[in-house]
Amino acid sequence: MSCRISIKAIPNAPRSAVAGWMGEELKVKVHAPALEGRANEELCSFLAEALGLPKRAVTVLQGDKSRLKVLAIEGPDLEQVRTRLAAKDPS
């Protein structure tokens, strides 16, 4: 089982953090520059850790060079992802 999730990534943040849901889109601050794929790597690693999944379970499907991305998450369905990330959301 897996799901797809729309992400708005904000690179160069002081630390990686879930910034909240904007409708169906998850806003994530990423503590890495948008250079040479480093922000994408950090985004996938951060979300995998936040969801309790191995790094390879989170991959970028669309938007490699954009702030708007679509990620594939192997394992939980969308509802489980929302529930797990709710604890990480400061709002």
PDB file of N, CA and C in Angstrom:
ATOM      1  N   MET A   1       0.840  -1.170   0.000  1.00  0.00           N
ATOM      2  CA  MET A   1       0.000   0.000   0.000  1.00  0.00           C
ATOM      3  C   MET A   1       0.890   1.240   0.000  1.00  0.00           C
ATOM      4  N   SER A   2       0.427   2.284  -0.638  1.00  0.00           N
ATOM      5  CA  SER A   2       1.179   3.531  -0.648  1.00  0.00           C
ATOM      6  C   SER A   2       0.231   4.679  -0.948  1.00  0.00           C
ATOM      7  N   CYS A   3       0.758   5.902  -0.861  1.00  0.00           N
ATOM      8  CA  CYS A   3      -0.053   7.064  -1.191  1.00  0.00           C
ATOM      9  C   CYS A   3       0.825   8.110  -1.849  1.00  0.00           C
ATOM     10  N   ARG A   4       0.159   9.096  -2.419  1.00  0.00           N
ATOM     11  CA  ARG A   4       0.837  10.255  -2.983  1.00  0.00           C
ATOM     12  C   ARG A   4       0.419  11.462  -2.169  1.00  0.00           C
ATOM     13  N   ILE A   5       1.340  12.379  -2.002  1.00  0.00           N
ATOM     14  CA  ILE A   5       1.050  13.557  -1.200  1.00  0.00           C
ATOM     15  C   ILE A   5       1.653  14.789  -1.878  1.00  0.00           C
ATOM     16  N   SER A   6       0.882  15.868  -1.928  1.00  0.00           N
ATOM     17  CA  SER A   6       1.363  17.133  -2.488  1.00  0.00           C
ATOM     18  C   SER A   6       2.074  17.907  -1.390  1.00  0.00           C
ATOM     19  N   ILE A   7       3.235  18.446  -1.749  1.00  0.00           N
ATOM     20  CA  ILE A   7       4.092  19.139  -0.790  1.00  0.00           C
ATOM     21  C   ILE A   7       4.432  20.523  -1.322  1.00  0.00           C
ATOM     22  N   LYS A   8       4.431  21.510  -0.442  1.00  0.00           N
ATOM     23  CA  LYS A   8       5.048  22.797  -0.748  1.00  0.00           C
ATOM     24  C   LYS A   8       6.282  22.864   0.128  1.00  0.00           C
ATOM     25  N   ALA A   9       7.446  22.787  -0.494  1.00  0.00           N
ATOM     26  CA  ALA A   9       8.722  22.775   0.238  1.00  0.00           C
ATOM     27  C   ALA A   9       9.262  24.188   0.368  1.00  0.00           C
ATOM     28  N   ILE A  10       9.793  24.491   1.543  1.00  0.00           N
ATOM     29  CA  ILE A  10      10.406  25.788   1.812  1.00  0.00           C
ATOM     30  C   ILE A  10      11.859  25.515   2.194  1.00  0.00           C
ATOM     31  N   PRO A  11      12.785  25.656   1.223  1.00  0.00           N
ATOM     32  CA  PRO A  11      14.197  25.360   1.501  1.00  0.00           C
ATOM     33  C   PRO A  11      14.857  26.441   2.361  1.00  0.00           C
ATOM     34  N   ASN A  12      16.048  26.139   2.859  1.00  0.00           N
ATOM     35  CA  ASN A  12      16.875  27.053   3.649  1.00  0.00           C
ATOM     36  C   ASN A  12      16.238  27.464   4.972  1.00  0.00           C
ATOM     37  N   ALA A  13      15.411  26.618   5.536  1.00  0.00           N
ATOM     38  CA  ALA A  13      14.816  26.904   6.840  1.00  0.00           C
ATOM     39  C   ALA A  13      15.851  26.651   7.938  1.00  0.00           C
ATOM     40  N   PRO A  14      15.693  27.281   9.111  1.00  0.00           N
ATOM     41  CA  PRO A  14      16.630  27.039  10.208  1.00  0.00           C
ATOM     42  C   PRO A  14      16.669  25.568  10.651  1.00  0.00           C
ATOM     43  N   ARG A  15      15.514  24.880  10.519  1.00  0.00           N
ATOM     44  CA  ARG A  15      15.452  23.447  10.809  1.00  0.00           C
ATOM     45  C   ARG A  15      14.316  22.847   9.999  1.00  0.00           C
ATOM     46  N   SER A  16      14.352  21.563   9.762  1.00  0.00           N
ATOM     47  CA  SER A  16      13.268  20.894   9.038  1.00  0.00           C
ATOM     48  C   SER A  16      12.085  20.722   9.971  1.00  0.00           C
ATOM     49  N   ALA A  17      10.891  21.039   9.448  1.00  0.00           N
ATOM     50  CA  ALA A  17       9.689  20.944  10.277  1.00  0.00           C
ATOM     51  C   ALA A  17       8.452  20.928   9.399  1.00  0.00           C
ATOM     52  N   VAL A  18       7.412  20.269   9.894  1.00  0.00           N
ATOM     53  CA  VAL A  18       6.107  20.314   9.244  1.00  0.00           C
ATOM     54  C   VAL A  18       5.489  21.657   9.604  1.00  0.00           C
ATOM     55  N   ALA A  19       5.110  22.435   8.595  1.00  0.00           N
ATOM     56  CA  ALA A  19       4.556  23.770   8.837  1.00  0.00           C
ATOM     57  C   ALA A  19       3.033  23.769   8.815  1.00  0.00           C
ATOM     58  N   GLY A  20       2.425  22.658   8.395  1.00  0.00           N
ATOM     59  CA  GLY A  20       0.968  22.562   8.435  1.00  0.00           C
ATOM     60  C   GLY A  20       0.356  22.178   7.100  1.00  0.00           C
ATOM     61  N   TRP A  21      -0.910  21.873   7.151  1.00  0.00           N
ATOM     62  CA  TRP A  21      -1.665  21.493   5.958  1.00  0.00           C
ATOM     63  C   TRP A  21      -2.358  22.720   5.396  1.00  0.00           C
ATOM     64  N   MET A  22      -2.299  22.885   4.091  1.00  0.00           N
ATOM     65  CA  MET A  22      -3.034  23.921   3.374  1.00  0.00           C
ATOM     66  C   MET A  22      -3.970  23.171   2.425  1.00  0.00           C
ATOM     67  N   GLY A  23      -5.138  22.804   2.938  1.00  0.00           N
ATOM     68  CA  GLY A  23      -6.043  21.968   2.152  1.00  0.00           C
ATOM     69  C   GLY A  23      -5.456  20.579   2.022  1.00  0.00           C
ATOM     70  N   GLU A  24      -5.228  20.151   0.796  1.00  0.00           N
ATOM     71  CA  GLU A  24      -4.657  18.825   0.533  1.00  0.00           C
ATOM     72  C   GLU A  24      -3.134  18.854   0.448  1.00  0.00           C
ATOM     73  N   GLU A  25      -2.559  20.035   0.582  1.00  0.00           N
ATOM     74  CA  GLU A  25      -1.121  20.209   0.413  1.00  0.00           C
ATOM     75  C   GLU A  25      -0.439  20.367   1.769  1.00  0.00           C
ATOM     76  N   LEU A  26       0.664  19.657   1.948  1.00  0.00           N
ATOM     77  CA  LEU A  26       1.444  19.744   3.178  1.00  0.00           C
ATOM     78  C   LEU A  26       2.599  20.715   2.970  1.00  0.00           C
ATOM     79  N   LYS A  27       2.722  21.676   3.869  1.00  0.00           N
ATOM     80  CA  LYS A  27       3.811  22.648   3.812  1.00  0.00           C
ATOM     81  C   LYS A  27       4.916  22.150   4.738  1.00  0.00           C
ATOM     82  N   VAL A  28       6.141  22.025   4.189  1.00  0.00           N
ATOM     83  CA  VAL A  28       7.275  21.495   4.959  1.00  0.00           C
ATOM     84  C   VAL A  28       8.472  22.423   4.804  1.00  0.00           C
ATOM     85  N   LYS A  29       9.010  22.854   5.939  1.00  0.00           N
ATOM     86  CA  LYS A  29      10.256  23.631   5.945  1.00  0.00           C
ATOM     87  C   LYS A  29      11.410  22.642   5.900  1.00  0.00           C
ATOM     88  N   VAL A  30      12.398  22.935   5.050  1.00  0.00           N
ATOM     89  CA  VAL A  30      13.507  22.014   4.842  1.00  0.00           C
ATOM     90  C   VAL A  30      14.826  22.715   5.172  1.00  0.00           C
ATOM     91  N   HIS A  31      15.610  22.099   6.044  1.00  0.00           N
ATOM     92  CA  HIS A  31      16.904  22.647   6.454  1.00  0.00           C
ATOM     93  C   HIS A  31      17.986  22.196   5.476  1.00  0.00           C
ATOM     94  N   ALA A  32      17.856  22.667   4.240  1.00  0.00           N
ATOM     95  CA  ALA A  32      18.853  22.379   3.205  1.00  0.00           C
ATOM     96  C   ALA A  32      18.617  23.351   2.065  1.00  0.00           C
ATOM     97  N   PRO A  33      19.662  23.727   1.366  1.00  0.00           N
ATOM     98  CA  PRO A  33      19.488  24.623   0.220  1.00  0.00           C
ATOM     99  C   PRO A  33      18.918  23.877  -0.977  1.00  0.00           C
ATOM    100  N   ALA A  34      18.284  24.632  -1.860  1.00  0.00           N
ATOM    101  CA  ALA A  34      17.727  24.042  -3.078  1.00  0.00           C
ATOM    102  C   ALA A  34      18.829  23.959  -4.137  1.00  0.00           C
ATOM    103  N   LEU A  35      19.875  23.223  -3.822  1.00  0.00           N
ATOM    104  CA  LEU A  35      21.021  23.047  -4.714  1.00  0.00           C
ATOM    105  C   LEU A  35      21.318  21.569  -4.883  1.00  0.00           C
ATOM    106  N   GLU A  36      21.502  21.146  -6.122  1.00  0.00           N
ATOM    107  CA  GLU A  36      21.951  19.782  -6.427  1.00  0.00           C
ATOM    108  C   GLU A  36      21.123  18.704  -5.734  1.00  0.00           C
ATOM    109  N   GLY A  37      19.827  18.948  -5.573  1.00  0.00           N
ATOM    110  CA  GLY A  37      18.934  17.943  -4.996  1.00  0.00           C
ATOM    111  C   GLY A  37      19.019  17.785  -3.493  1.00  0.00           C
ATOM    112  N   ARG A  38      19.790  18.653  -2.818  1.00  0.00           N
ATOM    113  CA  ARG A  38      19.958  18.497  -1.368  1.00  0.00           C
ATOM    114  C   ARG A  38      18.652  18.717  -0.607  1.00  0.00           C
ATOM    115  N   ALA A  39      17.846  19.691  -1.054  1.00  0.00           N
ATOM    116  CA  ALA A  39      16.559  19.936  -0.378  1.00  0.00           C
ATOM    117  C   ALA A  39      15.628  18.736  -0.565  1.00  0.00           C
ATOM    118  N   ASN A  40      15.625  18.133  -1.738  1.00  0.00           N
ATOM    119  CA  ASN A  40      14.793  16.949  -1.972  1.00  0.00           C
ATOM    120  C   ASN A  40      15.226  15.790  -1.079  1.00  0.00           C
ATOM    121  N   GLU A  41      16.527  15.579  -0.966  1.00  0.00           N
ATOM    122  CA  GLU A  41      17.044  14.499  -0.103  1.00  0.00           C
ATOM    123  C   GLU A  41      16.635  14.734   1.348  1.00  0.00           C
ATOM    124  N   GLU A  42      16.809  15.975   1.818  1.00  0.00           N
ATOM    125  CA  GLU A  42      16.458  16.306   3.195  1.00  0.00           C
ATOM    126  C   GLU A  42      14.955  16.165   3.417  1.00  0.00           C
ATOM    127  N   LEU A  43      14.159  16.597   2.444  1.00  0.00           N
ATOM    128  CA  LEU A  43      12.698  16.489   2.551  1.00  0.00           C
ATOM    129  C   LEU A  43      12.285  15.023   2.696  1.00  0.00           C
ATOM    130  N   CYS A  44      12.805  14.165   1.848  1.00  0.00           N
ATOM    131  CA  CYS A  44      12.451  12.741   1.900  1.00  0.00           C
ATOM    132  C   CYS A  44      12.935  12.098   3.203  1.00  0.00           C
ATOM    133  N   SER A  45      14.160  12.419   3.611  1.00  0.00           N
ATOM    134  CA  SER A  45      14.695  11.864   4.861  1.00  0.00           C
ATOM    135  C   SER A  45      13.879  12.324   6.062  1.00  0.00           C
ATOM    136  N   PHE A  46      13.567  13.622   6.106  1.00  0.00           N
ATOM    137  CA  PHE A  46      12.812  14.177   7.220  1.00  0.00           C
ATOM    138  C   PHE A  46      11.423  13.546   7.324  1.00  0.00           C
ATOM    139  N   LEU A  47      10.719  13.458   6.187  1.00  0.00           N
ATOM    140  CA  LEU A  47       9.375  12.880   6.233  1.00  0.00           C
ATOM    141  C   LEU A  47       9.414  11.391   6.575  1.00  0.00           C
ATOM    142  N   ALA A  48      10.401  10.671   6.044  1.00  0.00           N
ATOM    143  CA  ALA A  48      10.524   9.248   6.372  1.00  0.00           C
ATOM    144  C   ALA A  48      10.719   9.074   7.872  1.00  0.00           C
ATOM    145  N   GLU A  49      11.604   9.877   8.462  1.00  0.00           N
ATOM    146  CA  GLU A  49      11.852   9.793   9.900  1.00  0.00           C
ATOM    147  C   GLU A  49      10.598  10.170  10.691  1.00  0.00           C
ATOM    148  N   ALA A  50       9.923  11.241  10.270  1.00  0.00           N
ATOM    149  CA  ALA A  50       8.712  11.698  10.969  1.00  0.00           C
ATOM    150  C   ALA A  50       7.605  10.646  10.929  1.00  0.00           C
ATOM    151  N   LEU A  51       7.574   9.871   9.849  1.00  0.00           N
ATOM    152  CA  LEU A  51       6.542   8.839   9.687  1.00  0.00           C
ATOM    153  C   LEU A  51       6.986   7.478  10.219  1.00  0.00           C
ATOM    154  N   GLY A  52       8.236   7.377  10.652  1.00  0.00           N
ATOM    155  CA  GLY A  52       8.744   6.106  11.153  1.00  0.00           C
ATOM    156  C   GLY A  52       8.970   5.091  10.050  1.00  0.00           C
ATOM    157  N   LEU A  53       9.424   5.573   8.897  1.00  0.00           N
ATOM    158  CA  LEU A  53       9.643   4.716   7.734  1.00  0.00           C
ATOM    159  C   LEU A  53      11.108   4.752   7.323  1.00  0.00           C
ATOM    160  N   PRO A  54      11.572   3.747   6.565  1.00  0.00           N
ATOM    161  CA  PRO A  54      12.938   3.810   6.034  1.00  0.00           C
ATOM    162  C   PRO A  54      13.033   4.918   4.975  1.00  0.00           C
ATOM    163  N   LYS A  55      14.227   5.467   4.784  1.00  0.00           N
ATOM    164  CA  LYS A  55      14.425   6.574   3.834  1.00  0.00           C
ATOM    165  C   LYS A  55      13.908   6.254   2.438  1.00  0.00           C
ATOM    166  N   ARG A  56      14.107   5.037   2.004  1.00  0.00           N
ATOM    167  CA  ARG A  56      13.725   4.670   0.633  1.00  0.00           C
ATOM    168  C   ARG A  56      12.207   4.638   0.432  1.00  0.00           C
ATOM    169  N   ALA A  57      11.435   4.740   1.506  1.00  0.00           N
ATOM    170  CA  ALA A  57       9.972   4.683   1.408  1.00  0.00           C
ATOM    171  C   ALA A  57       9.357   5.998   0.931  1.00  0.00           C
ATOM    172  N   VAL A  58      10.153   7.072   0.916  1.00  0.00           N
ATOM    173  CA  VAL A  58       9.637   8.376   0.486  1.00  0.00           C
ATOM    174  C   VAL A  58      10.463   8.843  -0.708  1.00  0.00           C
ATOM    175  N   THR A  59       9.785   9.074  -1.855  1.00  0.00           N
ATOM    176  CA  THR A  59      10.478   9.501  -3.062  1.00  0.00           C
ATOM    177  C   THR A  59       9.722  10.633  -3.744  1.00  0.00           C
ATOM    178  N   VAL A  60      10.468  11.470  -4.475  1.00  0.00           N
ATOM    179  CA  VAL A  60       9.867  12.568  -5.232  1.00  0.00           C
ATOM    180  C   VAL A  60       9.409  12.022  -6.581  1.00  0.00           C
ATOM    181  N   LEU A  61       8.111  12.172  -6.875  1.00  0.00           N
ATOM    182  CA  LEU A  61       7.580  11.742  -8.167  1.00  0.00           C
ATOM    183  C   LEU A  61       7.584  12.884  -9.173  1.00  0.00           C
ATOM    184  N   GLN A  62       7.188  14.074  -8.711  1.00  0.00           N
ATOM    185  CA  GLN A  62       7.118  15.250  -9.588  1.00  0.00           C
ATOM    186  C   GLN A  62       7.655  16.458  -8.846  1.00  0.00           C
ATOM    187  N   GLY A  63       8.231  17.391  -9.598  1.00  0.00           N
ATOM    188  CA  GLY A  63       8.650  18.654  -9.013  1.00  0.00           C
ATOM    189  C   GLY A  63      10.065  18.656  -8.463  1.00  0.00           C
ATOM    190  N   ASP A  64      10.968  17.906  -9.080  1.00  0.00           N
ATOM    191  CA  ASP A  64      12.368  17.864  -8.619  1.00  0.00           C
ATOM    192  C   ASP A  64      12.956  19.262  -8.425  1.00  0.00           C
ATOM    193  N   LYS A  65      12.652  20.170  -9.333  1.00  0.00           N
ATOM    194  CA  LYS A  65      13.255  21.506  -9.295  1.00  0.00           C
ATOM    195  C   LYS A  65      12.231  22.589  -8.960  1.00  0.00           C
ATOM    196  N   SER A  66      11.152  22.192  -8.309  1.00  0.00           N
ATOM    197  CA  SER A  66      10.080  23.120  -7.953  1.00  0.00           C
ATOM    198  C   SER A  66       9.820  23.051  -6.454  1.00  0.00           C
ATOM    199  N   ARG A  67       9.221  24.096  -5.918  1.00  0.00           N
ATOM    200  CA  ARG A  67       8.821  24.049  -4.506  1.00  0.00           C
ATOM    201  C   ARG A  67       7.569  23.196  -4.335  1.00  0.00           C
ATOM    202  N   LEU A  68       6.774  23.102  -5.394  1.00  0.00           N
ATOM    203  CA  LEU A  68       5.576  22.253  -5.365  1.00  0.00           C
ATOM    204  C   LEU A  68       5.965  20.873  -5.871  1.00  0.00           C
ATOM    205  N   LYS A  69       5.743  19.868  -5.034  1.00  0.00           N
ATOM    206  CA  LYS A  69       6.183  18.510  -5.340  1.00  0.00           C
ATOM    207  C   LYS A  69       5.071  17.506  -5.089  1.00  0.00           C
ATOM    208  N   VAL A  70       5.197  16.360  -5.697  1.00  0.00           N
ATOM    209  CA  VAL A  70       4.350  15.217  -5.379  1.00  0.00           C
ATOM    210  C   VAL A  70       5.290  14.107  -4.926  1.00  0.00           C
ATOM    211  N   LEU A  71       5.042  13.601  -3.712  1.00  0.00           N
ATOM    212  CA  LEU A  71       5.873  12.527  -3.169  1.00  0.00           C
ATOM    213  C   LEU A  71       5.089  11.227  -3.125  1.00  0.00           C
ATOM    214  N   ALA A  72       5.782  10.122  -3.295  1.00  0.00           N
ATOM    215  CA  ALA A  72       5.200   8.794  -3.093  1.00  0.00           C
ATOM    216  C   ALA A  72       5.688   8.314  -1.736  1.00  0.00           C
ATOM    217  N   ILE A  73       4.760   7.812  -0.939  1.00  0.00           N
ATOM    218  CA  ILE A  73       5.099   7.276   0.370  1.00  0.00           C
ATOM    219  C   ILE A  73       4.645   5.828   0.417  1.00  0.00           C
ATOM    220  N   GLU A  74       5.615   4.926   0.530  1.00  0.00           N
ATOM    221  CA  GLU A  74       5.327   3.487   0.573  1.00  0.00           C
ATOM    222  C   GLU A  74       4.986   3.076   2.004  1.00  0.00           C
ATOM    223  N   GLY A  75       3.882   2.427   2.180  1.00  0.00           N
ATOM    224  CA  GLY A  75       3.494   1.941   3.506  1.00  0.00           C
ATOM    225  C   GLY A  75       2.130   2.461   3.904  1.00  0.00           C
ATOM    226  N   PRO A  76       2.090   3.586   4.613  1.00  0.00           N
ATOM    227  CA  PRO A  76       0.811   4.069   5.129  1.00  0.00           C
ATOM    228  C   PRO A  76      -0.059   4.675   4.029  1.00  0.00           C
ATOM    229  N   ASP A  77      -1.380   4.681   4.262  1.00  0.00           N
ATOM    230  CA  ASP A  77      -2.267   5.381   3.340  1.00  0.00           C
ATOM    231  C   ASP A  77      -2.321   6.857   3.744  1.00  0.00           C
ATOM    232  N   LEU A  78      -3.012   7.675   2.964  1.00  0.00           N
ATOM    233  CA  LEU A  78      -3.023   9.114   3.191  1.00  0.00           C
ATOM    234  C   LEU A  78      -3.564   9.477   4.573  1.00  0.00           C
ATOM    235  N   GLU A  79      -4.574   8.778   5.030  1.00  0.00           N
ATOM    236  CA  GLU A  79      -5.152   9.068   6.345  1.00  0.00           C
ATOM    237  C   GLU A  79      -4.145   8.785   7.463  1.00  0.00           C
ATOM    238  N   GLN A  80      -3.393   7.693   7.325  1.00  0.00           N
ATOM    239  CA  GLN A  80      -2.356   7.372   8.313  1.00  0.00           C
ATOM    240  C   GLN A  80      -1.238   8.416   8.291  1.00  0.00           C
ATOM    241  N   VAL A  81      -0.885   8.889   7.110  1.00  0.00           N
ATOM    242  CA  VAL A  81       0.141   9.927   6.989  1.00  0.00           C
ATOM    243  C   VAL A  81      -0.322  11.191   7.706  1.00  0.00           C
ATOM    244  N   ARG A  82      -1.572  11.602   7.446  1.00  0.00           N
ATOM    245  CA  ARG A  82      -2.117  12.799   8.099  1.00  0.00           C
ATOM    246  C   ARG A  82      -2.103  12.646   9.624  1.00  0.00           C
ATOM    247  N   THR A  83      -2.494  11.478  10.112  1.00  0.00           N
ATOM    248  CA  THR A  83      -2.529  11.233  11.550  1.00  0.00           C
ATOM    249  C   THR A  83      -1.129  11.293  12.157  1.00  0.00           C
ATOM    250  N   ARG A  84      -0.176  10.633  11.516  1.00  0.00           N
ATOM    251  CA  ARG A  84       1.199  10.601  12.046  1.00  0.00           C
ATOM    252  C   ARG A  84       1.845  11.989  12.036  1.00  0.00           C
ATOM    253  N   LEU A  85       1.556  12.770  10.982  1.00  0.00           N
ATOM    254  CA  LEU A  85       2.162  14.097  10.888  1.00  0.00           C
ATOM    255  C   LEU A  85       1.449  15.138  11.744  1.00  0.00           C
ATOM    256  N   ALA A  86       0.231  14.857  12.166  1.00  0.00           N
ATOM    257  CA  ALA A  86      -0.508  15.801  13.003  1.00  0.00           C
ATOM    258  C   ALA A  86       0.276  16.093  14.278  1.00  0.00           C
ATOM    259  N   ALA A  87       0.970  15.103  14.801  1.00  0.00           N
ATOM    260  CA  ALA A  87       1.767  15.298  16.016  1.00  0.00           C
ATOM    261  C   ALA A  87       2.983  16.188  15.744  1.00  0.00           C
ATOM    262  N   LYS A  88       3.414  16.266  14.501  1.00  0.00           N
ATOM    263  CA  LYS A  88       4.591  17.080  14.143  1.00  0.00           C
ATOM    264  C   LYS A  88       4.208  18.507  13.768  1.00  0.00           C
ATOM    265  N   ASP A  89       2.910  18.766  13.596  1.00  0.00           N
ATOM    266  CA  ASP A  89       2.413  20.065  13.136  1.00  0.00           C
ATOM    267  C   ASP A  89       2.279  21.011  14.325  1.00  0.00           C
ATOM    268  N   PRO A  90       3.014  22.125  14.318  1.00  0.00           N
ATOM    269  CA  PRO A  90       2.957  23.044  15.438  1.00  0.00           C
ATOM    270  C   PRO A  90       1.658  23.821  15.560  1.00  0.00           C
ATOM    271  N   SER A  91       0.867  23.890  14.496  1.00  0.00           N
ATOM    272  CA  SER A  91      -0.374  24.673  14.536  1.00  0.00           C
ATOM    273  C   SER A  91      -1.533  23.911  15.144  1.00  0.00           C
TER     274      SER A  91
END
